[in-house]
Amino acid sequence: MTASANREIGSRTVSESNRSRSTWVKSITLPTLANEIFSKSPEGEEELPMPATAVLSFIFAVIGIFVAGIPLGLAAIILGAIAIGKINKNPGMKGQGLAIAGIVIGAVAIIGALYVLSTM
């Protein structure tokens, strides 16, 4: 009798957990879940948008590695510095890593271009 009671309790538990799982899956869709996870900052601060200069700095630096290293590398360094200045003035802004990467890769692009020019 105890074994059959355990089976019933076990089957009831399984069926209840299946029902609650299907309800959870139906009530929370993936975009809603992703919004809940990624839209809020951990401290509750409002996040400001990323400055366009950080993105442009990174793009110019990467292109500068392959084409026109000196002017694009210089532009990447200047735009990266401007972006870091904006981010430091507004603490909620993102993009500091992108701006730093633009500065570093821009410097590498300039050094690479100068090396190629010196070996010609």
PDB file of N, CA and C in Angstrom:
ATOM      1  N   MET A   1       0.810  -1.185   0.000  1.00  0.00           N
ATOM      2  CA  MET A   1       0.000   0.000   0.000  1.00  0.00           C
ATOM      3  C   MET A   1       0.864   1.264   0.000  1.00  0.00           C
ATOM      4  N   THR A   2       1.928   1.215   0.740  1.00  0.00           N
ATOM      5  CA  THR A   2       2.805   2.374   0.784  1.00  0.00           C
ATOM      6  C   THR A   2       3.452   2.603  -0.578  1.00  0.00           C
ATOM      7  N   ALA A   3       3.845   1.540  -1.261  1.00  0.00           N
ATOM      8  CA  ALA A   3       4.478   1.677  -2.570  1.00  0.00           C
ATOM      9  C   ALA A   3       3.504   2.274  -3.584  1.00  0.00           C
ATOM     10  N   SER A   4       2.226   1.818  -3.569  1.00  0.00           N
ATOM     11  CA  SER A   4       1.255   2.379  -4.512  1.00  0.00           C
ATOM     12  C   SER A   4       0.959   3.845  -4.185  1.00  0.00           C
ATOM     13  N   ALA A   5       0.949   4.189  -2.913  1.00  0.00           N
ATOM     14  CA  ALA A   5       0.712   5.580  -2.523  1.00  0.00           C
ATOM     15  C   ALA A   5       1.870   6.462  -3.015  1.00  0.00           C
ATOM     16  N   ASN A   6       3.122   5.943  -2.919  1.00  0.00           N
ATOM     17  CA  ASN A   6       4.271   6.702  -3.398  1.00  0.00           C
ATOM     18  C   ASN A   6       4.208   6.893  -4.904  1.00  0.00           C
ATOM     19  N   ARG A   7       3.752   5.845  -5.600  1.00  0.00           N
ATOM     20  CA  ARG A   7       3.636   5.964  -7.051  1.00  0.00           C
ATOM     21  C   ARG A   7       2.608   7.022  -7.418  1.00  0.00           C
ATOM     22  N   GLU A   8       1.497   7.010  -6.706  1.00  0.00           N
ATOM     23  CA  GLU A   8       0.467   8.010  -6.987  1.00  0.00           C
ATOM     24  C   GLU A   8       0.989   9.413  -6.694  1.00  0.00           C
ATOM     25  N   ILE A   9       1.648   9.541  -5.574  1.00  0.00           N
ATOM     26  CA  ILE A   9       2.188  10.850  -5.222  1.00  0.00           C
ATOM     27  C   ILE A   9       3.251  11.243  -6.252  1.00  0.00           C
ATOM     28  N   GLY A  10       4.082  10.279  -6.627  1.00  0.00           N
ATOM     29  CA  GLY A  10       5.107  10.562  -7.619  1.00  0.00           C
ATOM     30  C   GLY A  10       4.495  10.922  -8.957  1.00  0.00           C
ATOM     31  N   SER A  11       3.469  10.212  -9.401  1.00  0.00           N
ATOM     32  CA  SER A  11       2.853  10.520 -10.686  1.00  0.00           C
ATOM     33  C   SER A  11       2.117  11.850 -10.624  1.00  0.00           C
ATOM     34  N   ARG A  12       1.506  12.143  -9.488  1.00  0.00           N
ATOM     35  CA  ARG A  12       0.821  13.410  -9.333  1.00  0.00           C
ATOM     36  C   ARG A  12       1.843  14.560  -9.379  1.00  0.00           C
ATOM     37  N   THR A  13       2.979  14.364  -8.719  1.00  0.00           N
ATOM     38  CA  THR A  13       4.017  15.387  -8.719  1.00  0.00           C
ATOM     39  C   THR A  13       4.538  15.613 -10.135  1.00  0.00           C
ATOM     40  N   VAL A  14       4.754  14.533 -10.870  1.00  0.00           N
ATOM     41  CA  VAL A  14       5.260  14.656 -12.230  1.00  0.00           C
ATOM     42  C   VAL A  14       4.248  15.383 -13.107  1.00  0.00           C
ATOM     43  N   SER A  15       2.970  14.992 -12.990  1.00  0.00           N
ATOM     44  CA  SER A  15       1.973  15.635 -13.835  1.00  0.00           C
ATOM     45  C   SER A  15       1.807  17.109 -13.457  1.00  0.00           C
ATOM     46  N   GLU A  16       1.893  17.446 -12.166  1.00  0.00           N
ATOM     47  CA  GLU A  16       1.796  18.842 -11.769  1.00  0.00           C
ATOM     48  C   GLU A  16       2.987  19.636 -12.277  1.00  0.00           C
ATOM     49  N   SER A  17       4.179  19.036 -12.219  1.00  0.00           N
ATOM     50  CA  SER A  17       5.351  19.779 -12.704  1.00  0.00           C
ATOM     51  C   SER A  17       5.291  19.936 -14.215  1.00  0.00           C
ATOM     52  N   ASN A  18       4.727  18.954 -14.939  1.00  0.00           N
ATOM     53  CA  ASN A  18       4.572  19.093 -16.386  1.00  0.00           C
ATOM     54  C   ASN A  18       3.589  20.211 -16.713  1.00  0.00           C
ATOM     55  N   ARG A  19       2.503  20.287 -15.961  1.00  0.00           N
ATOM     56  CA  ARG A  19       1.531  21.336 -16.195  1.00  0.00           C
ATOM     57  C   ARG A  19       2.131  22.715 -15.920  1.00  0.00           C
ATOM     58  N   SER A  20       2.841  22.828 -14.812  1.00  0.00           N
ATOM     59  CA  SER A  20       3.410  24.142 -14.480  1.00  0.00           C
ATOM     60  C   SER A  20       4.497  24.511 -15.485  1.00  0.00           C
ATOM     61  N   ARG A  21       5.252  23.541 -15.989  1.00  0.00           N
ATOM     62  CA  ARG A  21       6.281  23.827 -16.977  1.00  0.00           C
ATOM     63  C   ARG A  21       5.642  24.312 -18.271  1.00  0.00           C
ATOM     64  N   SER A  22       4.576  23.657 -18.717  1.00  0.00           N
ATOM     65  CA  SER A  22       3.942  24.088 -19.961  1.00  0.00           C
ATOM     66  C   SER A  22       3.300  25.467 -19.789  1.00  0.00           C
ATOM     67  N   THR A  23       2.771  25.760 -18.600  1.00  0.00           N
ATOM     68  CA  THR A  23       2.208  27.080 -18.352  1.00  0.00           C
ATOM     69  C   THR A  23       3.304  28.127 -18.401  1.00  0.00           C
ATOM     70  N   TRP A  24       4.451  27.828 -17.815  1.00  0.00           N
ATOM     71  CA  TRP A  24       5.571  28.765 -17.807  1.00  0.00           C
ATOM     72  C   TRP A  24       6.065  29.020 -19.225  1.00  0.00           C
ATOM     73  N   VAL A  25       6.185  27.971 -20.009  1.00  0.00           N
ATOM     74  CA  VAL A  25       6.661  28.124 -21.381  1.00  0.00           C
ATOM     75  C   VAL A  25       5.677  28.945 -22.194  1.00  0.00           C
ATOM     76  N   LYS A  26       4.382  28.740 -21.977  1.00  0.00           N
ATOM     77  CA  LYS A  26       3.382  29.496 -22.722  1.00  0.00           C
ATOM     78  C   LYS A  26       3.335  30.955 -22.280  1.00  0.00           C
ATOM     79  N   SER A  27       3.555  31.207 -20.988  1.00  0.00           N
ATOM     80  CA  SER A  27       3.393  32.572 -20.496  1.00  0.00           C
ATOM     81  C   SER A  27       4.625  33.439 -20.725  1.00  0.00           C
ATOM     82  N   ILE A  28       5.803  32.852 -20.820  1.00  0.00           N
ATOM     83  CA  ILE A  28       7.014  33.643 -21.028  1.00  0.00           C
ATOM     84  C   ILE A  28       7.638  33.214 -22.346  1.00  0.00           C
ATOM     85  N   THR A  29       7.649  34.136 -23.289  1.00  0.00           N
ATOM     86  CA  THR A  29       8.279  33.842 -24.568  1.00  0.00           C
ATOM     87  C   THR A  29       9.730  34.302 -24.514  1.00  0.00           C
ATOM     88  N   LEU A  30      10.533  33.857 -25.455  1.00  0.00           N
ATOM     89  CA  LEU A  30      11.952  34.172 -25.451  1.00  0.00           C
ATOM     90  C   LEU A  30      12.228  35.667 -25.555  1.00  0.00           C
ATOM     91  N   PRO A  31      11.580  36.420 -26.455  1.00  0.00           N
ATOM     92  CA  PRO A  31      11.859  37.860 -26.484  1.00  0.00           C
ATOM     93  C   PRO A  31      11.515  38.564 -25.173  1.00  0.00           C
ATOM     94  N   THR A  32      10.444  38.142 -24.521  1.00  0.00           N
ATOM     95  CA  THR A  32      10.072  38.739 -23.244  1.00  0.00           C
ATOM     96  C   THR A  32      11.124  38.429 -22.194  1.00  0.00           C
ATOM     97  N   LEU A  33      11.597  37.192 -22.167  1.00  0.00           N
ATOM     98  CA  LEU A  33      12.611  36.784 -21.212  1.00  0.00           C
ATOM     99  C   LEU A  33      13.916  37.535 -21.465  1.00  0.00           C
ATOM    100  N   ALA A  34      14.315  37.658 -22.723  1.00  0.00           N
ATOM    101  CA  ALA A  34      15.540  38.378 -23.055  1.00  0.00           C
ATOM    102  C   ALA A  34      15.415  39.852 -22.674  1.00  0.00           C
ATOM    103  N   ASN A  35      14.252  40.447 -22.888  1.00  0.00           N
ATOM    104  CA  ASN A  35      14.028  41.838 -22.497  1.00  0.00           C
ATOM    105  C   ASN A  35      14.189  42.016 -20.997  1.00  0.00           C
ATOM    106  N   GLU A  36      13.639  41.096 -20.221  1.00  0.00           N
ATOM    107  CA  GLU A  36      13.708  41.188 -18.775  1.00  0.00           C
ATOM    108  C   GLU A  36      15.140  41.055 -18.286  1.00  0.00           C
ATOM    109  N   ILE A  37      15.915  40.193 -18.930  1.00  0.00           N
ATOM    110  CA  ILE A  37      17.281  39.952 -18.470  1.00  0.00           C
ATOM    111  C   ILE A  37      18.209  41.093 -18.861  1.00  0.00           C
ATOM    112  N   PHE A  38      18.124  41.544 -20.111  1.00  0.00           N
ATOM    113  CA  PHE A  38      19.129  42.456 -20.630  1.00  0.00           C
ATOM    114  C   PHE A  38      18.731  43.925 -20.615  1.00  0.00           C
ATOM    115  N   SER A  39      17.492  44.263 -20.340  1.00  0.00           N
ATOM    116  CA  SER A  39      17.086  45.659 -20.452  1.00  0.00           C
ATOM    117  C   SER A  39      17.349  46.466 -19.185  1.00  0.00           C
ATOM    118  N   LYS A  40      17.510  45.831 -18.061  1.00  0.00           N
ATOM    119  CA  LYS A  40      17.679  46.560 -16.812  1.00  0.00           C
ATOM    120  C   LYS A  40      19.143  46.551 -16.399  1.00  0.00           C
ATOM    121  N   SER A  41      19.631  47.693 -15.932  1.00  0.00           N
ATOM    122  CA  SER A  41      20.992  47.746 -15.422  1.00  0.00           C
ATOM    123  C   SER A  41      20.997  47.184 -14.002  1.00  0.00           C
ATOM    124  N   PRO A  42      22.109  46.590 -13.568  1.00  0.00           N
ATOM    125  CA  PRO A  42      22.131  45.950 -12.245  1.00  0.00           C
ATOM    126  C   PRO A  42      21.904  46.909 -11.076  1.00  0.00           C
ATOM    127  N   GLU A  43      22.364  48.149 -11.189  1.00  0.00           N
ATOM    128  CA  GLU A  43      22.203  49.082 -10.079  1.00  0.00           C
ATOM    129  C   GLU A  43      20.868  49.805 -10.135  1.00  0.00           C
ATOM    130  N   GLY A  44      20.105  49.603 -11.178  1.00  0.00           N
ATOM    131  CA  GLY A  44      18.839  50.284 -11.326  1.00  0.00           C
ATOM    132  C   GLY A  44      18.982  51.640 -11.987  1.00  0.00           C
ATOM    133  N   GLU A  45      20.204  51.993 -12.422  1.00  0.00           N
ATOM    134  CA  GLU A  45      20.408  53.259 -13.112  1.00  0.00           C
ATOM    135  C   GLU A  45      19.890  53.141 -14.533  1.00  0.00           C
ATOM    136  N   GLU A  46      19.529  54.272 -15.086  1.00  0.00           N
ATOM    137  CA  GLU A  46      19.140  54.300 -16.488  1.00  0.00           C
ATOM    138  C   GLU A  46      20.386  54.274 -17.339  1.00  0.00           C
ATOM    139  N   GLU A  47      20.415  53.383 -18.329  1.00  0.00           N
ATOM    140  CA  GLU A  47      21.570  53.318 -19.209  1.00  0.00           C
ATOM    141  C   GLU A  47      21.364  54.274 -20.372  1.00  0.00           C
ATOM    142  N   LEU A  48      22.355  55.092 -20.628  1.00  0.00           N
ATOM    143  CA  LEU A  48      22.314  56.009 -21.747  1.00  0.00           C
ATOM    144  C   LEU A  48      22.839  55.288 -22.982  1.00  0.00           C
ATOM    145  N   PRO A  49      22.497  55.759 -24.158  1.00  0.00           N
ATOM    146  CA  PRO A  49      22.964  55.074 -25.367  1.00  0.00           C
ATOM    147  C   PRO A  49      24.471  55.216 -25.551  1.00  0.00           C
ATOM    148  N   MET A  50      25.021  54.320 -26.355  1.00  0.00           N
ATOM    149  CA  MET A  50      26.440  54.344 -26.655  1.00  0.00           C
ATOM    150  C   MET A  50      26.733  55.501 -27.616  1.00  0.00           C
ATOM    151  N   PRO A  51      27.803  56.261 -27.375  1.00  0.00           N
ATOM    152  CA  PRO A  51      28.111  57.357 -28.295  1.00  0.00           C
ATOM    153  C   PRO A  51      28.534  56.820 -29.661  1.00  0.00           C
ATOM    154  N   ALA A  52      28.095  57.482 -30.701  1.00  0.00           N
ATOM    155  CA  ALA A  52      28.420  57.049 -32.064  1.00  0.00           C
ATOM    156  C   ALA A  52      29.916  57.152 -32.326  1.00  0.00           C
ATOM    157  N   THR A  53      30.580  58.056 -31.621  1.00  0.00           N
ATOM    158  CA  THR A  53      32.016  58.204 -31.838  1.00  0.00           C
ATOM    159  C   THR A  53      32.790  56.963 -31.410  1.00  0.00           C
ATOM    160  N   ALA A  54      32.292  56.224 -30.421  1.00  0.00           N
ATOM    161  CA  ALA A  54      32.961  54.986 -30.010  1.00  0.00           C
ATOM    162  C   ALA A  54      32.864  53.943 -31.118  1.00  0.00           C
ATOM    163  N   VAL A  55      31.693  53.826 -31.706  1.00  0.00           N
ATOM    164  CA  VAL A  55      31.502  52.852 -32.788  1.00  0.00           C
ATOM    165  C   VAL A  55      32.328  53.248 -34.006  1.00  0.00           C
ATOM    166  N   LEU A  56      32.293  54.536 -34.364  1.00  0.00           N
ATOM    167  CA  LEU A  56      33.073  55.001 -35.511  1.00  0.00           C
ATOM    168  C   LEU A  56      34.572  54.817 -35.282  1.00  0.00           C
ATOM    169  N   SER A  57      35.025  55.026 -34.070  1.00  0.00           N
ATOM    170  CA  SER A  57      36.429  54.831 -33.750  1.00  0.00           C
ATOM    171  C   SER A  57      36.851  53.394 -34.026  1.00  0.00           C
ATOM    172  N   PHE A  58      36.047  52.465 -33.575  1.00  0.00           N
ATOM    173  CA  PHE A  58      36.366  51.045 -33.784  1.00  0.00           C
ATOM    174  C   PHE A  58      36.320  50.686 -35.268  1.00  0.00           C
ATOM    175  N   ILE A  59      35.310  51.157 -35.973  1.00  0.00           N
ATOM    176  CA  ILE A  59      35.173  50.842 -37.402  1.00  0.00           C
ATOM    177  C   ILE A  59      36.348  51.427 -38.193  1.00  0.00           C
ATOM    178  N   PHE A  60      36.680  52.697 -37.944  1.00  0.00           N
ATOM    179  CA  PHE A  60      37.804  53.318 -38.659  1.00  0.00           C
ATOM    180  C   PHE A  60      39.105  52.589 -38.364  1.00  0.00           C
ATOM    181  N   ALA A  61      39.299  52.164 -37.126  1.00  0.00           N
ATOM    182  CA  ALA A  61      40.535  51.473 -36.757  1.00  0.00           C
ATOM    183  C   ALA A  61      40.661  50.138 -37.474  1.00  0.00           C
ATOM    184  N   VAL A  62      39.586  49.381 -37.514  1.00  0.00           N
ATOM    185  CA  VAL A  62      39.643  48.071 -38.169  1.00  0.00           C
ATOM    186  C   VAL A  62      39.870  48.238 -39.673  1.00  0.00           C
ATOM    187  N   ILE A  63      39.194  49.180 -40.289  1.00  0.00           N
ATOM    188  CA  ILE A  63      39.406  49.423 -41.723  1.00  0.00           C
ATOM    189  C   ILE A  63      40.818  49.961 -41.952  1.00  0.00           C
ATOM    190  N   GLY A  64      41.316  50.767 -41.021  1.00  0.00           N
ATOM    191  CA  GLY A  64      42.645  51.351 -41.136  1.00  0.00           C
ATOM    192  C   GLY A  64      43.762  50.330 -41.109  1.00  0.00           C
ATOM    193  N   ILE A  65      43.518  49.162 -40.557  1.00  0.00           N
ATOM    194  CA  ILE A  65      44.540  48.111 -40.578  1.00  0.00           C
ATOM    195  C   ILE A  65      44.809  47.673 -42.010  1.00  0.00           C
ATOM    196  N   PHE A  66      43.788  47.655 -42.828  1.00  0.00           N
ATOM    197  CA  PHE A  66      43.909  47.134 -44.185  1.00  0.00           C
ATOM    198  C   PHE A  66      44.090  48.225 -45.244  1.00  0.00           C
ATOM    199  N   VAL A  67      43.482  49.383 -45.051  1.00  0.00           N
ATOM    200  CA  VAL A  67      43.495  50.445 -46.058  1.00  0.00           C
ATOM    201  C   VAL A  67      43.747  51.778 -45.365  1.00  0.00           C
ATOM    202  N   ALA A  68      44.625  52.604 -45.918  1.00  0.00           N
ATOM    203  CA  ALA A  68      44.859  53.976 -45.442  1.00  0.00           C
ATOM    204  C   ALA A  68      45.046  54.025 -43.933  1.00  0.00           C
ATOM    205  N   GLY A  69      46.062  53.336 -43.443  1.00  0.00           N
ATOM    206  CA  GLY A  69      46.283  53.203 -42.002  1.00  0.00           C
ATOM    207  C   GLY A  69      46.520  54.495 -41.265  1.00  0.00           C
ATOM    208  N   ILE A  70      47.257  55.422 -41.888  1.00  0.00           N
ATOM    209  CA  ILE A  70      47.600  56.648 -41.154  1.00  0.00           C
ATOM    210  C   ILE A  70      46.382  57.553 -40.964  1.00  0.00           C
ATOM    211  N   PRO A  71      45.645  57.927 -42.007  1.00  0.00           N
ATOM    212  CA  PRO A  71      44.504  58.820 -41.748  1.00  0.00           C
ATOM    213  C   PRO A  71      43.376  58.152 -40.962  1.00  0.00           C
ATOM    214  N   LEU A  72      43.066  56.897 -41.264  1.00  0.00           N
ATOM    215  CA  LEU A  72      41.978  56.228 -40.536  1.00  0.00           C
ATOM    216  C   LEU A  72      42.394  55.899 -39.108  1.00  0.00           C
ATOM    217  N   GLY A  73      43.648  55.542 -38.903  1.00  0.00           N
ATOM    218  CA  GLY A  73      44.137  55.291 -37.547  1.00  0.00           C
ATOM    219  C   GLY A  73      44.105  56.548 -36.704  1.00  0.00           C
ATOM    220  N   LEU A  74      44.498  57.668 -37.322  1.00  0.00           N
ATOM    221  CA  LEU A  74      44.462  58.949 -36.611  1.00  0.00           C
ATOM    222  C   LEU A  74      43.021  59.345 -36.278  1.00  0.00           C
ATOM    223  N   ALA A  75      42.123  59.150 -37.229  1.00  0.00           N
ATOM    224  CA  ALA A  75      40.701  59.445 -36.978  1.00  0.00           C
ATOM    225  C   ALA A  75      40.149  58.547 -35.872  1.00  0.00           C
ATOM    226  N   ALA A  76      40.566  57.276 -35.861  1.00  0.00           N
ATOM    227  CA  ALA A  76      40.096  56.344 -34.826  1.00  0.00           C
ATOM    228  C   ALA A  76      40.564  56.784 -33.448  1.00  0.00           C
ATOM    229  N   ILE A  77      41.812  57.232 -33.349  1.00  0.00           N
ATOM    230  CA  ILE A  77      42.338  57.674 -32.053  1.00  0.00           C
ATOM    231  C   ILE A  77      41.601  58.923 -31.568  1.00  0.00           C
ATOM    232  N   ILE A  78      41.380  59.864 -32.458  1.00  0.00           N
ATOM    233  CA  ILE A  78      40.681  61.101 -32.073  1.00  0.00           C
ATOM    234  C   ILE A  78      39.240  60.815 -31.666  1.00  0.00           C
ATOM    235  N   LEU A  79      38.531  60.014 -32.479  1.00  0.00           N
ATOM    236  CA  LEU A  79      37.135  59.689 -32.147  1.00  0.00           C
ATOM    237  C   LEU A  79      37.034  58.871 -30.864  1.00  0.00           C
ATOM    238  N   GLY A  80      37.980  57.972 -30.636  1.00  0.00           N
ATOM    239  CA  GLY A  80      37.994  57.187 -29.398  1.00  0.00           C
ATOM    240  C   GLY A  80      38.191  58.071 -28.176  1.00  0.00           C
ATOM    241  N   ALA A  81      39.075  59.064 -28.297  1.00  0.00           N
ATOM    242  CA  ALA A  81      39.302  59.982 -27.179  1.00  0.00           C
ATOM    243  C   ALA A  81      38.054  60.828 -26.903  1.00  0.00           C
ATOM    244  N   ILE A  82      37.390  61.265 -27.968  1.00  0.00           N
ATOM    245  CA  ILE A  82      36.148  62.033 -27.798  1.00  0.00           C
ATOM    246  C   ILE A  82      35.080  61.173 -27.118  1.00  0.00           C
ATOM    247  N   ALA A  83      34.992  59.905 -27.549  1.00  0.00           N
ATOM    248  CA  ALA A  83      33.998  59.001 -26.954  1.00  0.00           C
ATOM    249  C   ALA A  83      34.276  58.756 -25.478  1.00  0.00           C
ATOM    250  N   ILE A  84      35.529  58.566 -25.112  1.00  0.00           N
ATOM    251  CA  ILE A  84      35.864  58.344 -23.700  1.00  0.00           C
ATOM    252  C   ILE A  84      35.535  59.588 -22.879  1.00  0.00           C
ATOM    253  N   GLY A  85      35.764  60.776 -23.441  1.00  0.00           N
ATOM    254  CA  GLY A  85      35.385  62.016 -22.747  1.00  0.00           C
ATOM    255  C   GLY A  85      33.890  62.090 -22.503  1.00  0.00           C
ATOM    256  N   LYS A  86      33.084  61.715 -23.513  1.00  0.00           N
ATOM    257  CA  LYS A  86      31.616  61.723 -23.339  1.00  0.00           C
ATOM    258  C   LYS A  86      31.182  60.694 -22.299  1.00  0.00           C
ATOM    259  N   ILE A  87      31.819  59.524 -22.330  1.00  0.00           N
ATOM    260  CA  ILE A  87      31.435  58.458 -21.393  1.00  0.00           C
ATOM    261  C   ILE A  87      31.800  58.856 -19.969  1.00  0.00           C
ATOM    262  N   ASN A  88      32.934  59.511 -19.783  1.00  0.00           N
ATOM    263  CA  ASN A  88      33.325  59.946 -18.434  1.00  0.00           C
ATOM    264  C   ASN A  88      32.404  61.035 -17.893  1.00  0.00           C
ATOM    265  N   LYS A  89      31.859  61.877 -18.776  1.00  0.00           N
ATOM    266  CA  LYS A  89      30.923  62.921 -18.329  1.00  0.00           C
ATOM    267  C   LYS A  89      29.562  62.352 -17.969  1.00  0.00           C
ATOM    268  N   ASN A  90      29.153  61.272 -18.641  1.00  0.00           N
ATOM    269  CA  ASN A  90      27.848  60.628 -18.403  1.00  0.00           C
ATOM    270  C   ASN A  90      28.088  59.198 -17.935  1.00  0.00           C
ATOM    271  N   PRO A  91      28.063  58.942 -16.621  1.00  0.00           N
ATOM    272  CA  PRO A  91      28.441  57.635 -16.089  1.00  0.00           C
ATOM    273  C   PRO A  91      27.579  56.461 -16.558  1.00  0.00           C
ATOM    274  N   GLY A  92      26.380  56.685 -17.041  1.00  0.00           N
ATOM    275  CA  GLY A  92      25.529  55.569 -17.443  1.00  0.00           C
ATOM    276  C   GLY A  92      25.770  55.084 -18.863  1.00  0.00           C
ATOM    277  N   MET A  93      26.638  55.763 -19.603  1.00  0.00           N
ATOM    278  CA  MET A  93      26.868  55.403 -21.007  1.00  0.00           C
ATOM    279  C   MET A  93      27.720  54.143 -21.124  1.00  0.00           C
ATOM    280  N   LYS A  94      27.425  53.371 -22.160  1.00  0.00           N
ATOM    281  CA  LYS A  94      28.221  52.193 -22.470  1.00  0.00           C
ATOM    282  C   LYS A  94      29.160  52.544 -23.618  1.00  0.00           C
ATOM    283  N   GLY A  95      30.105  51.663 -23.929  1.00  0.00           N
ATOM    284  CA  GLY A  95      30.955  51.835 -25.090  1.00  0.00           C
ATOM    285  C   GLY A  95      32.388  52.191 -24.790  1.00  0.00           C
ATOM    286  N   GLN A  96      32.769  52.198 -23.524  1.00  0.00           N
ATOM    287  CA  GLN A  96      34.143  52.566 -23.193  1.00  0.00           C
ATOM    288  C   GLN A  96      35.126  51.539 -23.750  1.00  0.00           C
ATOM    289  N   GLY A  97      34.798  50.275 -23.681  1.00  0.00           N
ATOM    290  CA  GLY A  97      35.676  49.235 -24.216  1.00  0.00           C
ATOM    291  C   GLY A  97      35.841  49.356 -25.721  1.00  0.00           C
ATOM    292  N   LEU A  98      34.767  49.700 -26.399  1.00  0.00           N
ATOM    293  CA  LEU A  98      34.820  49.877 -27.845  1.00  0.00           C
ATOM    294  C   LEU A  98      35.696  51.068 -28.210  1.00  0.00           C
ATOM    295  N   ALA A  99      35.597  52.141 -27.443  1.00  0.00           N
ATOM    296  CA  ALA A  99      36.423  53.327 -27.696  1.00  0.00           C
ATOM    297  C   ALA A  99      37.901  53.024 -27.437  1.00  0.00           C
ATOM    298  N   ILE A 100      38.183  52.308 -26.366  1.00  0.00           N
ATOM    299  CA  ILE A 100      39.571  51.942 -26.067  1.00  0.00           C
ATOM    300  C   ILE A 100      40.118  51.024 -27.152  1.00  0.00           C
ATOM    301  N   ALA A 101      39.309  50.075 -27.594  1.00  0.00           N
ATOM    302  CA  ALA A 101      39.744  49.181 -28.683  1.00  0.00           C
ATOM    303  C   ALA A 101      40.016  49.979 -29.946  1.00  0.00           C
ATOM    304  N   GLY A 102      39.200  50.978 -30.244  1.00  0.00           N
ATOM    305  CA  GLY A 102      39.426  51.827 -31.406  1.00  0.00           C
ATOM    306  C   GLY A 102      40.738  52.577 -31.311  1.00  0.00           C
ATOM    307  N   ILE A 103      41.050  53.072 -30.119  1.00  0.00           N
ATOM    308  CA  ILE A 103      42.309  53.795 -29.928  1.00  0.00           C
ATOM    309  C   ILE A 103      43.507  52.856 -30.118  1.00  0.00           C
ATOM    310  N   VAL A 104      43.452  51.697 -29.499  1.00  0.00           N
ATOM    311  CA  VAL A 104      44.570  50.756 -29.572  1.00  0.00           C
ATOM    312  C   VAL A 104      44.752  50.238 -30.995  1.00  0.00           C
ATOM    313  N   ILE A 105      43.676  49.817 -31.633  1.00  0.00           N
ATOM    314  CA  ILE A 105      43.775  49.290 -32.998  1.00  0.00           C
ATOM    315  C   ILE A 105      44.165  50.403 -33.967  1.00  0.00           C
ATOM    316  N   GLY A 106      43.695  51.625 -33.722  1.00  0.00           N
ATOM    317  CA  GLY A 106      44.105  52.755 -34.548  1.00  0.00           C
ATOM    318  C   GLY A 106      45.599  53.004 -34.456  1.00  0.00           C
ATOM    319  N   ALA A 107      46.157  52.911 -33.257  1.00  0.00           N
ATOM    320  CA  ALA A 107      47.601  53.076 -33.076  1.00  0.00           C
ATOM    321  C   ALA A 107      48.360  51.962 -33.798  1.00  0.00           C
ATOM    322  N   VAL A 108      47.857  50.742 -33.715  1.00  0.00           N
ATOM    323  CA  VAL A 108      48.489  49.617 -34.425  1.00  0.00           C
ATOM    324  C   VAL A 108      48.419  49.842 -35.930  1.00  0.00           C
ATOM    325  N   ALA A 109      47.311  50.379 -36.419  1.00  0.00           N
ATOM    326  CA  ALA A 109      47.176  50.655 -37.856  1.00  0.00           C
ATOM    327  C   ALA A 109      48.190  51.696 -38.308  1.00  0.00           C
ATOM    328  N   ILE A 110      48.403  52.732 -37.507  1.00  0.00           N
ATOM    329  CA  ILE A 110      49.385  53.765 -37.853  1.00  0.00           C
ATOM    330  C   ILE A 110      50.792  53.179 -37.853  1.00  0.00           C
ATOM    331  N   ILE A 111      51.119  52.422 -36.815  1.00  0.00           N
ATOM    332  CA  ILE A 111      52.453  51.807 -36.736  1.00  0.00           C
ATOM    333  C   ILE A 111      52.675  50.859 -37.904  1.00  0.00           C
ATOM    334  N   GLY A 112      51.656  50.065 -38.238  1.00  0.00           N
ATOM    335  CA  GLY A 112      51.773  49.155 -39.378  1.00  0.00           C
ATOM    336  C   GLY A 112      51.957  49.891 -40.686  1.00  0.00           C
ATOM    337  N   ALA A 113      51.234  50.978 -40.879  1.00  0.00           N
ATOM    338  CA  ALA A 113      51.356  51.749 -42.106  1.00  0.00           C
ATOM    339  C   ALA A 113      52.727  52.394 -42.199  1.00  0.00           C
ATOM    340  N   LEU A 114      53.230  52.920 -41.083  1.00  0.00           N
ATOM    341  CA  LEU A 114      54.568  53.517 -41.090  1.00  0.00           C
ATOM    342  C   LEU A 114      55.634  52.456 -41.373  1.00  0.00           C
ATOM    343  N   TYR A 115      55.461  51.267 -40.858  1.00  0.00           N
ATOM    344  CA  TYR A 115      56.414  50.178 -41.125  1.00  0.00           C
ATOM    345  C   TYR A 115      56.412  49.815 -42.599  1.00  0.00           C
ATOM    346  N   VAL A 116      55.223  49.699 -43.189  1.00  0.00           N
ATOM    347  CA  VAL A 116      55.130  49.369 -44.613  1.00  0.00           C
ATOM    348  C   VAL A 116      55.760  50.478 -45.460  1.00  0.00           C
ATOM    349  N   LEU A 117      55.524  51.737 -45.108  1.00  0.00           N
ATOM    350  CA  LEU A 117      56.109  52.848 -45.852  1.00  0.00           C
ATOM    351  C   LEU A 117      57.636  52.883 -45.702  1.00  0.00           C
ATOM    352  N   SER A 118      58.144  52.512 -44.553  1.00  0.00           N
ATOM    353  CA  SER A 118      59.593  52.559 -44.329  1.00  0.00           C
ATOM    354  C   SER A 118      60.337  51.443 -45.059  1.00  0.00           C
ATOM    355  N   THR A 119      59.648  50.356 -45.370  1.00  0.00           N
ATOM    356  CA  THR A 119      60.305  49.248 -46.076  1.00  0.00           C
ATOM    357  C   THR A 119      60.214  49.377 -47.573  1.00  0.00           C
ATOM    358  N   MET A 120      59.560  50.408 -48.092  1.00  0.00           N
ATOM    359  CA  MET A 120      59.448  50.577 -49.543  1.00  0.00           C
ATOM    360  C   MET A 120      60.679  51.210 -50.107  1.00  0.00           C
TER     361      MET A 120
END
